[in-house]
Amino acid sequence: MSEPRFNGRYGCRFDPAQVTTPAFVVDEGLLADNLAILAKVKEATGCKILLALKCFAMFSVFPLLRQTLDGVCCSSPHEARLGREEFGREVHSFAAAYSATDIEQLAQTCDHLVFNSLGQWQRFRPLAEQTARTAGRTLEFGLRINPEHSEGAVPIYDPCAPGSRLGIRRKDFRIDQLAGISGLHWHNLCEQDADCLERTVAAVEDGFGFILPKMTYVNFGGGHHITRPGYDLDLLITIVGRFQERWRTQVYLEPGEAVALNSGYLVATVLDVVHADLPIAIIDASVPAHMPDVLEMPYRPHIVGSGEANEKAWTCRIGGLSCLAGDVAGEYSFEAPLIPGDKLVFTDMAIYTMVKTNTFNGVQLPSIVLYQPDTDSLHLVRRFGYEDFKNRLS
């Protein structure tokens, strides 16, 4: 049932039959394609681009990514330490709130520390500065603002929704507490095009233009679908260039999806086909354990060679092997019925997958495999086992 050679950005260039499942397979060539697009933005504007580790943190490919990207953005001491140890360029951190222990750790690994509130900034500035001095590090500080401008994102992914805990609103901004602040950060996009950024920048300039000339850098956050086919790259370049020229400040972008978009796959094997109201193919992967965004977003992932329900000759539901009744990826159609042993290849599974996997039910964590198109070879990066499951428990 598998298609060993399904060429194209939305298929796969490796042979699924050669993959022991479940496994994430990342295509190094497709990563390089994305990086080439990001490099074009950097070259045209002089902006800096960070990798959002919350989306993609496969550190075995950091040597490739750091040839183009300027560093990483993190949301925790663990991510910051990973960025410092494995990426080796700039490390930026933001979290909705920090503890004193967080600050002590972050001040030793970060270059830029961004606070979510003026209260946290005032409370932790002395500790952060002292810790950085003791470690012999230079640490810059920023604040996250809330432009109060939403762009129609799914509510769970809208940081500017009413009641959001993320970012300082204009009415709460205190210019008398900005001594020591060199950067501003915002984030309000999710898988969106440059026109959404253009409107957001206008909202920021309208609400926070009084402080922009005092900033060394401004971080436009993530959610820019820069490497998606059809994205308006020229408009993005215009927006970034215009902003930097007007305000004489360095612009940062911190995409996660755009770095690894469409470059990874989850390969699974059909274990059984049962019959209820329609055929149900049960695979050796799990939706809540291996691709939880399918339930959280929610969305229906594409499977190579499949169609929508009833589009092709045989329609079934794809279900995982856990005991959760809702462990279901969706309904798909195929040219012929699936049978045990068939390989299924879920696309666009590099982003928000490996970073979110869990061991619910003790299901096997997917291996991590790197595909190198130049040599048409698959390399096992990591295989997980019982100890990985056990060590997360008591």
Protein backbone atom coordinates (compact mmCIF):
# COMPACT_ATOMS: atom_id res chain seq x y z
CA MET A 1 0.00 0.00 0.00
CA SER A 2 2.94 2.33 0.59
CA GLU A 3 4.40 4.41 -2.23
CA PRO A 4 8.21 4.04 -2.16
CA ARG A 5 8.81 7.02 -4.41
CA PHE A 6 6.26 9.76 -3.96
CA ASN A 7 8.19 12.80 -5.09
CA GLY A 8 7.29 16.35 -4.20
CA ARG A 9 7.17 18.62 -1.20
CA TYR A 10 4.01 17.05 0.22
CA GLY A 11 4.98 13.45 -0.35
CA CYS A 12 8.18 11.75 0.70
CA ARG A 13 11.44 10.93 -1.07
CA PHE A 14 12.45 7.96 1.04
CA ASP A 15 11.20 4.38 1.01
CA PRO A 16 8.80 3.86 3.96
CA ALA A 17 9.41 0.11 3.75
CA GLN A 18 12.92 0.76 5.07
CA VAL A 19 11.65 2.49 8.22
CA THR A 20 11.06 0.58 11.46
CA THR A 21 7.92 2.12 12.93
CA PRO A 22 6.75 4.20 14.60
CA ALA A 23 9.31 6.79 13.52
CA PHE A 24 9.67 10.45 12.73
CA VAL A 25 11.66 10.94 9.53
CA VAL A 26 13.09 14.38 8.80
CA ASP A 27 14.24 15.15 5.25
CA GLU A 28 17.47 17.17 5.48
CA GLY A 29 17.03 18.39 1.91
CA LEU A 30 13.63 19.91 2.65
CA LEU A 31 15.06 21.61 5.73
CA ALA A 32 17.74 23.12 3.50
CA ASP A 33 15.05 24.34 1.09
CA ASN A 34 13.32 26.19 3.93
CA LEU A 35 16.59 27.67 5.10
CA ALA A 36 17.28 29.02 1.62
CA ILE A 37 14.02 30.98 1.75
CA LEU A 38 14.81 32.33 5.23
CA ALA A 39 18.30 33.29 4.05
CA LYS A 40 16.72 35.34 1.27
CA VAL A 41 14.72 37.32 3.85
CA LYS A 42 17.84 37.91 5.94
CA GLU A 43 19.88 39.01 2.94
CA ALA A 44 17.20 41.41 1.71
CA THR A 45 16.50 43.05 5.06
CA GLY A 46 19.37 42.47 7.48
CA CYS A 47 16.92 41.09 10.01
CA LYS A 48 17.83 38.25 12.35
CA ILE A 49 15.92 34.96 12.47
CA LEU A 50 15.69 32.64 15.46
CA LEU A 51 14.51 29.04 15.69
CA ALA A 52 11.56 28.61 18.06
CA LEU A 53 12.51 25.52 20.04
CA LYS A 54 8.93 25.08 21.26
CA CYS A 55 8.14 23.96 17.71
CA PHE A 56 11.23 22.11 16.55
CA ALA A 57 14.18 21.09 18.71
CA MET A 58 15.90 18.28 16.80
CA PHE A 59 19.40 19.24 17.88
CA SER A 60 21.10 16.72 15.60
CA VAL A 61 20.32 19.10 12.71
CA PHE A 62 21.41 22.26 14.53
CA PRO A 63 24.75 22.27 12.66
CA LEU A 64 22.74 22.71 9.45
CA LEU A 65 20.31 25.27 10.90
CA ARG A 66 22.94 27.51 12.46
CA GLN A 67 24.53 28.08 9.06
CA THR A 68 21.54 30.33 8.35
CA LEU A 69 19.75 31.11 11.61
CA ASP A 70 21.06 33.53 14.22
CA GLY A 71 20.06 31.58 17.29
CA VAL A 72 17.12 30.16 19.20
CA CYS A 73 14.21 31.43 21.23
CA CYS A 74 13.25 29.49 24.33
CA SER A 75 10.47 29.27 26.88
CA SER A 76 12.20 27.53 29.78
CA PRO A 77 15.62 26.98 31.39
CA HIS A 78 15.84 23.54 29.76
CA GLU A 79 15.26 24.92 26.26
CA ALA A 80 17.74 27.74 26.92
CA ARG A 81 20.39 25.29 28.07
CA LEU A 82 19.81 23.15 24.98
CA GLY A 83 20.17 26.23 22.79
CA ARG A 84 23.37 27.29 24.51
CA GLU A 85 24.97 23.84 24.47
CA GLU A 86 23.87 22.63 21.04
CA PHE A 87 23.10 25.66 18.84
CA GLY A 88 25.87 27.94 20.01
CA ARG A 89 24.54 31.28 18.76
CA GLU A 90 22.12 33.79 20.31
CA VAL A 91 19.76 32.50 23.00
CA HIS A 92 16.55 34.46 23.71
CA SER A 93 14.09 33.44 26.42
CA PHE A 94 10.51 34.39 27.19
CA ALA A 95 8.01 32.87 29.60
CA ALA A 96 4.67 34.00 30.98
CA ALA A 97 6.34 34.07 34.41
CA TYR A 98 9.65 33.11 35.97
CA SER A 99 10.65 31.79 39.36
CA ALA A 100 13.85 32.89 41.11
CA THR A 101 15.38 29.53 40.21
CA ASP A 102 14.45 30.09 36.56
CA ILE A 103 16.20 33.46 36.58
CA GLU A 104 19.36 32.05 38.14
CA GLN A 105 19.56 29.41 35.42
CA LEU A 106 18.51 31.60 32.49
CA ALA A 107 20.95 34.39 33.36
CA GLN A 108 23.78 31.90 32.87
CA THR A 109 22.63 30.65 29.45
CA CYS A 110 20.72 33.49 27.75
CA ASP A 111 21.76 36.58 25.81
CA HIS A 112 18.29 38.15 25.90
CA LEU A 113 15.76 37.70 28.70
CA VAL A 114 12.23 38.91 27.97
CA PHE A 115 9.71 39.56 30.75
CA ASN A 116 5.95 39.26 30.45
CA SER A 117 5.13 41.94 33.02
CA LEU A 118 6.63 45.03 34.57
CA GLY A 119 6.18 43.39 37.97
CA GLN A 120 8.46 40.48 37.06
CA TRP A 121 10.97 42.86 35.48
CA GLN A 122 11.19 44.96 38.63
CA ARG A 123 11.28 41.95 40.92
CA PHE A 124 13.93 39.93 39.11
CA ARG A 125 16.18 42.54 37.48
CA PRO A 126 18.68 42.67 40.39
CA LEU A 127 18.95 38.86 40.57
CA ALA A 128 19.35 38.50 36.80
CA GLU A 129 22.01 41.20 36.59
CA GLN A 130 23.97 39.84 39.55
CA THR A 131 23.82 36.25 38.27
CA ALA A 132 24.97 37.31 34.80
CA ARG A 133 27.86 39.36 36.22
CA THR A 134 28.99 36.45 38.37
CA ALA A 135 28.92 34.17 35.32
CA GLY A 136 30.83 36.73 33.27
CA ARG A 137 27.96 37.14 30.82
CA THR A 138 26.36 40.12 29.10
CA LEU A 139 22.58 39.93 29.41
CA GLU A 140 20.07 42.17 27.65
CA PHE A 141 16.47 42.60 28.78
CA GLY A 142 13.20 42.96 26.91
CA LEU A 143 9.48 43.23 27.55
CA ARG A 144 6.63 41.47 25.79
CA ILE A 145 3.85 43.77 24.69
CA ASN A 146 0.27 42.90 23.77
CA PRO A 147 -0.75 44.85 20.64
CA GLU A 148 -4.38 43.89 21.37
CA HIS A 149 -4.70 43.05 17.70
CA SER A 150 -5.99 39.61 16.74
CA GLU A 151 -5.76 38.16 13.25
CA GLY A 152 -8.45 35.48 13.36
CA ALA A 153 -6.28 32.72 14.78
CA VAL A 154 -7.78 29.66 16.46
CA PRO A 155 -8.72 30.99 19.95
CA ILE A 156 -6.36 28.66 21.83
CA TYR A 157 -3.49 30.11 19.74
CA ASP A 158 -4.46 33.79 19.95
CA PRO A 159 -2.21 35.61 22.46
CA CYS A 160 -4.14 38.83 21.89
CA ALA A 161 -7.57 37.42 22.71
CA PRO A 162 -9.57 39.13 25.48
CA GLY A 163 -8.31 37.98 28.86
CA SER A 164 -4.93 36.86 27.51
CA ARG A 165 -2.21 36.62 30.14
CA LEU A 166 0.50 37.29 27.55
CA GLY A 167 2.11 40.69 27.08
CA ILE A 168 1.74 44.18 28.53
CA ARG A 169 -1.15 46.24 27.20
CA ARG A 170 -0.69 49.89 26.30
CA LYS A 171 -2.72 51.11 29.25
CA ASP A 172 -0.49 49.20 31.66
CA PHE A 173 2.81 50.27 30.09
CA ARG A 174 5.02 52.42 32.36
CA ILE A 175 7.69 54.42 30.59
CA ASP A 176 9.27 55.27 33.94
CA GLN A 177 10.14 51.58 34.48
CA LEU A 178 11.99 51.05 31.20
CA ALA A 179 15.55 51.86 32.28
CA GLY A 180 17.61 48.80 31.33
CA ILE A 181 15.15 47.56 28.69
CA SER A 182 16.65 47.31 25.20
CA GLY A 183 14.03 45.31 23.31
CA LEU A 184 10.33 44.73 22.75
CA HIS A 185 8.68 41.48 21.75
CA TRP A 186 5.21 40.56 20.58
CA HIS A 187 3.54 37.50 19.14
CA ASN A 188 0.05 37.26 17.68
CA LEU A 189 0.20 35.20 14.49
CA CYS A 190 -0.37 31.51 13.81
CA GLU A 191 0.35 30.00 10.38
CA GLN A 192 -0.43 33.36 8.74
CA ASP A 193 0.69 35.47 5.80
CA ALA A 194 2.51 38.80 5.66
CA ASP A 195 -0.67 40.87 5.31
CA CYS A 196 -1.54 39.86 8.88
CA LEU A 197 1.88 41.05 10.00
CA GLU A 198 1.42 44.34 8.16
CA ARG A 199 -1.77 45.11 10.09
CA THR A 200 -0.13 44.01 13.34
CA VAL A 201 2.86 46.29 12.82
CA ALA A 202 0.46 49.19 12.22
CA ALA A 203 -1.27 48.40 15.53
CA VAL A 204 2.08 48.25 17.35
CA GLU A 205 3.24 51.54 15.86
CA ASP A 206 -0.06 53.15 16.81
CA GLY A 207 0.03 51.89 20.40
CA PHE A 208 3.73 51.74 21.19
CA GLY A 209 5.38 54.12 18.71
CA PHE A 210 6.36 56.41 21.58
CA ILE A 211 8.86 53.82 22.86
CA LEU A 212 10.14 52.25 19.63
CA PRO A 213 12.92 54.83 19.04
CA LYS A 214 14.42 53.89 22.40
CA MET A 215 14.70 50.19 21.54
CA THR A 216 17.79 48.44 20.19
CA TYR A 217 15.72 45.60 18.78
CA VAL A 218 12.10 44.57 18.24
CA ASN A 219 11.04 40.93 17.95
CA PHE A 220 8.05 40.32 15.67
CA GLY A 221 7.50 36.88 17.23
CA GLY A 222 6.51 33.77 15.29
CA GLY A 223 3.55 32.43 13.36
CA HIS A 224 4.91 33.72 10.03
CA HIS A 225 4.36 30.95 7.46
CA ILE A 226 7.31 32.20 5.46
CA THR A 227 8.22 28.92 3.73
CA ARG A 228 4.67 27.92 2.80
CA PRO A 229 4.04 27.92 -0.95
CA GLY A 230 2.24 31.14 -1.86
CA TYR A 231 3.45 33.14 1.15
CA ASP A 232 3.96 36.81 0.20
CA LEU A 233 7.71 36.98 0.70
CA ASP A 234 8.08 40.36 -1.01
CA LEU A 235 5.58 41.93 1.37
CA LEU A 236 7.39 40.50 4.39
CA ILE A 237 10.68 41.95 3.14
CA THR A 238 9.02 45.32 2.60
CA ILE A 239 7.47 45.35 6.09
CA VAL A 240 10.69 44.42 7.86
CA GLY A 241 12.83 46.82 5.83
CA ARG A 242 10.40 49.70 6.29
CA PHE A 243 10.16 49.12 10.05
CA GLN A 244 13.93 48.99 10.54
CA GLU A 245 14.46 52.14 8.49
CA ARG A 246 11.70 54.08 10.22
CA TRP A 247 12.61 53.18 13.79
CA ARG A 248 16.35 52.54 13.41
CA THR A 249 16.08 49.25 15.27
CA GLN A 250 17.06 45.62 14.64
CA VAL A 251 14.14 43.33 13.75
CA TYR A 252 14.04 39.70 14.86
CA LEU A 253 11.70 37.00 13.59
CA GLU A 254 11.31 33.76 15.51
CA PRO A 255 9.51 31.22 13.32
CA GLY A 256 9.26 27.59 14.32
CA GLU A 257 7.01 26.13 11.68
CA ALA A 258 8.66 28.03 8.84
CA VAL A 259 12.00 26.42 9.65
CA ALA A 260 10.81 22.82 9.48
CA LEU A 261 7.52 23.17 7.56
CA ASN A 262 6.72 20.11 5.43
CA SER A 263 10.15 18.60 6.12
CA GLY A 264 9.15 15.75 8.42
CA TYR A 265 6.95 12.67 8.49
CA LEU A 266 5.54 10.18 10.94
CA VAL A 267 5.72 6.67 9.53
CA ALA A 268 3.40 4.08 11.08
CA THR A 269 2.39 0.49 10.36
CA VAL A 270 -1.17 -0.84 10.14
CA LEU A 271 -1.61 -3.44 12.92
CA ASP A 272 -5.22 -4.42 12.36
CA VAL A 273 -8.38 -3.48 10.51
CA VAL A 274 -11.61 -3.78 12.49
CA HIS A 275 -15.13 -3.13 11.33
CA ALA A 276 -17.62 -0.88 13.10
CA ASP A 277 -19.79 1.63 11.23
CA LEU A 278 -16.91 1.72 8.74
CA PRO A 279 -13.52 0.00 8.49
CA ILE A 280 -11.03 1.22 11.11
CA ALA A 281 -7.31 0.77 10.55
CA ILE A 282 -5.38 0.67 13.83
CA ILE A 283 -1.75 1.77 13.57
CA ASP A 284 1.28 1.39 15.83
CA ALA A 285 1.27 5.12 16.55
CA SER A 286 -1.01 7.18 18.78
CA VAL A 287 -2.61 10.55 18.09
CA PRO A 288 -2.57 11.87 21.70
CA ALA A 289 0.93 10.50 22.32
CA HIS A 290 2.64 11.21 19.00
CA MET A 291 0.71 13.98 17.23
CA PRO A 292 -1.39 15.70 19.93
CA ASP A 293 -1.96 18.85 17.85
CA VAL A 294 -4.35 16.76 15.74
CA LEU A 295 -6.64 16.80 18.77
CA GLU A 296 -5.66 20.21 20.18
CA MET A 297 -5.71 22.35 17.03
CA PRO A 298 -7.63 20.35 15.73
CA TYR A 299 -6.72 19.28 12.21
CA ARG A 300 -6.63 16.26 9.91
CA PRO A 301 -3.07 15.33 8.88
CA HIS A 302 -2.43 14.27 5.31
CA ILE A 303 -1.34 10.70 4.61
CA VAL A 304 0.73 10.11 1.47
CA GLY A 305 -1.39 8.45 -1.21
CA SER A 306 -4.71 9.07 0.54
CA GLY A 307 -7.75 11.14 -0.30
CA GLU A 308 -10.66 12.66 1.55
CA ALA A 309 -13.36 10.29 2.77
CA ASN A 310 -15.14 8.69 -0.22
CA GLU A 311 -12.79 10.35 -2.70
CA LYS A 312 -11.05 7.08 -3.54
CA ALA A 313 -12.31 3.53 -3.76
CA TRP A 314 -12.01 2.50 -0.09
CA THR A 315 -12.71 4.69 2.94
CA CYS A 316 -11.69 4.00 6.52
CA ARG A 317 -10.99 5.67 9.83
CA ILE A 318 -7.39 5.76 11.06
CA GLY A 319 -7.08 5.05 14.78
CA GLY A 320 -4.17 4.77 17.19
CA LEU A 321 -3.31 1.90 19.50
CA SER A 322 -3.98 3.61 22.85
CA CYS A 323 -7.04 3.02 25.00
CA LEU A 324 -8.37 6.57 24.48
CA ALA A 325 -11.63 6.35 22.52
CA GLY A 326 -10.74 9.56 20.72
CA ASP A 327 -7.34 8.30 19.53
CA VAL A 328 -8.37 8.93 15.92
CA ALA A 329 -6.55 10.80 13.14
CA GLY A 330 -9.57 11.11 10.86
CA GLU A 331 -11.27 9.45 7.90
CA TYR A 332 -9.34 8.75 4.71
CA SER A 333 -9.81 6.97 1.41
CA PHE A 334 -7.36 4.77 -0.49
CA GLU A 335 -7.27 3.04 -3.86
CA ALA A 336 -7.36 -0.38 -2.14
CA PRO A 337 -8.19 -1.63 1.37
CA LEU A 338 -5.46 -1.34 3.97
CA ILE A 339 -4.17 -4.58 5.44
CA PRO A 340 -1.92 -5.32 8.43
CA GLY A 341 1.68 -4.52 7.57
CA ASP A 342 0.95 -1.55 5.29
CA LYS A 343 3.02 1.56 5.99
CA LEU A 344 1.30 4.93 6.34
CA VAL A 345 3.23 8.19 6.02
CA PHE A 346 1.76 11.23 7.79
CA THR A 347 3.14 14.48 6.38
CA ASP A 348 4.32 17.73 8.01
CA MET A 349 5.17 15.95 11.25
CA ALA A 350 8.46 17.65 12.15
CA ILE A 351 6.76 20.64 13.78
CA TYR A 352 5.00 20.45 17.17
CA THR A 353 5.37 16.67 17.20
CA MET A 354 8.73 15.49 18.53
CA VAL A 355 8.59 18.29 21.12
CA LYS A 356 5.14 17.16 22.31
CA THR A 357 5.38 13.38 22.32
CA ASN A 358 4.49 11.59 25.52
CA THR A 359 4.33 8.05 26.85
CA PHE A 360 0.59 7.82 27.56
CA ASN A 361 -0.33 4.14 27.96
CA GLY A 362 3.36 3.35 27.77
CA VAL A 363 3.16 3.44 23.98
CA GLN A 364 6.47 3.30 22.16
CA LEU A 365 7.95 6.72 21.46
CA PRO A 366 8.70 7.08 17.73
CA SER A 367 12.32 6.75 16.71
CA ILE A 368 13.96 9.79 15.09
CA VAL A 369 15.43 9.24 11.63
CA LEU A 370 17.23 11.63 9.28
CA TYR A 371 16.88 11.23 5.54
CA GLN A 372 19.74 12.59 3.41
CA PRO A 373 18.62 12.96 -0.22
CA ASP A 374 22.12 13.42 -1.61
CA THR A 375 22.90 9.81 -0.75
CA ASP A 376 19.29 8.56 -0.62
CA SER A 377 20.04 7.22 2.85
CA LEU A 378 18.20 6.93 6.15
CA HIS A 379 20.16 7.39 9.40
CA LEU A 380 18.76 6.40 12.78
CA VAL A 381 19.36 9.33 15.15
CA ARG A 382 17.59 8.01 18.24
CA ARG A 383 15.58 4.96 19.26
CA PHE A 384 13.59 5.03 22.48
CA GLY A 385 12.85 2.16 24.84
CA TYR A 386 11.55 1.10 28.23
CA GLU A 387 14.05 3.20 30.19
CA ASP A 388 12.81 6.37 28.52
CA PHE A 389 9.29 5.51 29.68
CA LYS A 390 10.32 4.45 33.18
CA ASN A 391 12.61 7.39 33.87
CA ARG A 392 9.75 9.86 33.48
CA LEU A 393 7.89 8.18 36.33
CA SER A 394 8.61 7.78 40.04
